[in-house]
Amino acid sequence: MSSFEPEIRDYLKKVLRTISACMLFSLFHMTVGIYFNWAFFEGQIRTGNIVYYLILLASLAGLIYYLFKVWSVKKHNA
């Protein structure tokens, strides 16, 4: 099937999951922040800014937890 050894295949899966999760996180938050104009403060702080940045921080914590979980797994699937 695959000519890679299981350790290399698992490592590449971890790298792919890391890149995918980080790209999804950044694309989502850039799109929402710019499209709805919640990432910018225009003279004063609005409710949308506060909600956007709270969601950003919560999802960043979730992303860090997910990446920690992905990279802490040591064994491979046989």
Protein backbone atom coordinates (compact mmCIF):
# COMPACT_ATOMS: atom_id res chain seq x y z
CA MET A 1 0.00 0.00 0.00
CA SER A 2 2.29 2.76 1.23
CA SER A 3 6.06 2.65 1.14
CA PHE A 4 6.39 4.83 4.26
CA GLU A 5 7.15 3.36 7.62
CA PRO A 6 4.39 3.76 10.24
CA GLU A 7 6.36 6.33 12.27
CA ILE A 8 6.95 8.55 9.25
CA ARG A 9 3.33 8.23 8.14
CA ASP A 10 2.11 9.20 11.63
CA TYR A 11 4.49 12.16 11.74
CA LEU A 12 3.27 13.42 8.35
CA LYS A 13 -0.34 13.05 9.50
CA LYS A 14 0.44 15.17 12.56
CA VAL A 15 2.06 17.83 10.38
CA LEU A 16 -0.91 17.83 8.01
CA ARG A 17 -3.41 18.10 10.88
CA THR A 18 -1.42 20.96 12.40
CA ILE A 19 -1.25 22.92 9.15
CA SER A 20 -4.94 22.27 8.42
CA ALA A 21 -6.13 23.36 11.85
CA CYS A 22 -4.00 26.53 11.85
CA MET A 23 -5.08 27.48 8.32
CA LEU A 24 -8.75 26.90 9.14
CA PHE A 25 -8.43 28.95 12.33
CA SER A 26 -6.70 31.88 10.66
CA LEU A 27 -8.88 31.91 7.53
CA PHE A 28 -12.07 31.80 9.56
CA HIS A 29 -11.06 34.59 11.90
CA MET A 30 -9.61 36.79 9.18
CA THR A 31 -12.74 36.39 7.07
CA VAL A 32 -15.19 37.02 9.90
CA GLY A 33 -13.16 39.86 11.36
CA ILE A 34 -12.74 41.71 8.08
CA TYR A 35 -16.11 40.89 6.48
CA PHE A 36 -18.19 41.96 9.46
CA ASN A 37 -15.67 44.68 10.37
CA TRP A 38 -15.39 43.32 13.92
CA ALA A 39 -11.60 43.15 14.02
CA PHE A 40 -11.21 46.92 13.74
CA PHE A 41 -11.93 49.61 16.29
CA GLU A 42 -13.44 52.64 14.57
CA GLY A 43 -13.29 55.36 17.19
CA GLN A 44 -14.92 53.32 19.92
CA ILE A 45 -15.27 49.75 21.10
CA ARG A 46 -18.50 48.12 19.95
CA THR A 47 -20.23 44.99 21.21
CA GLY A 48 -19.25 43.15 18.01
CA ASN A 49 -15.58 43.82 18.72
CA ILE A 50 -15.84 42.38 22.22
CA VAL A 51 -17.73 39.29 21.05
CA TYR A 52 -15.30 38.74 18.16
CA TYR A 53 -12.21 38.92 20.37
CA LEU A 54 -13.76 36.71 23.07
CA ILE A 55 -14.56 34.08 20.43
CA LEU A 56 -11.05 34.51 19.01
CA LEU A 57 -9.46 33.85 22.40
CA ALA A 58 -11.72 30.88 23.14
CA SER A 59 -11.05 29.27 19.77
CA LEU A 60 -7.32 29.97 20.14
CA ALA A 61 -7.39 28.09 23.44
CA GLY A 62 -9.23 25.26 21.69
CA LEU A 63 -6.68 25.23 18.88
CA ILE A 64 -3.78 25.07 21.33
CA TYR A 65 -5.50 22.24 23.21
CA TYR A 66 -6.10 20.35 19.95
CA LEU A 67 -2.49 20.78 18.82
CA PHE A 68 -1.20 19.68 22.21
CA LYS A 69 -3.42 16.60 21.98
CA VAL A 70 -2.29 15.79 18.43
CA TRP A 71 1.41 16.08 19.24
CA SER A 72 1.25 14.26 22.57
CA VAL A 73 0.18 10.96 20.99
CA LYS A 74 3.28 8.77 20.66
CA LYS A 75 2.17 5.39 19.36
CA HIS A 76 1.29 4.55 15.76
CA ASN A 77 -1.65 2.66 14.27
CA ALA A 78 -0.56 -0.75 12.98
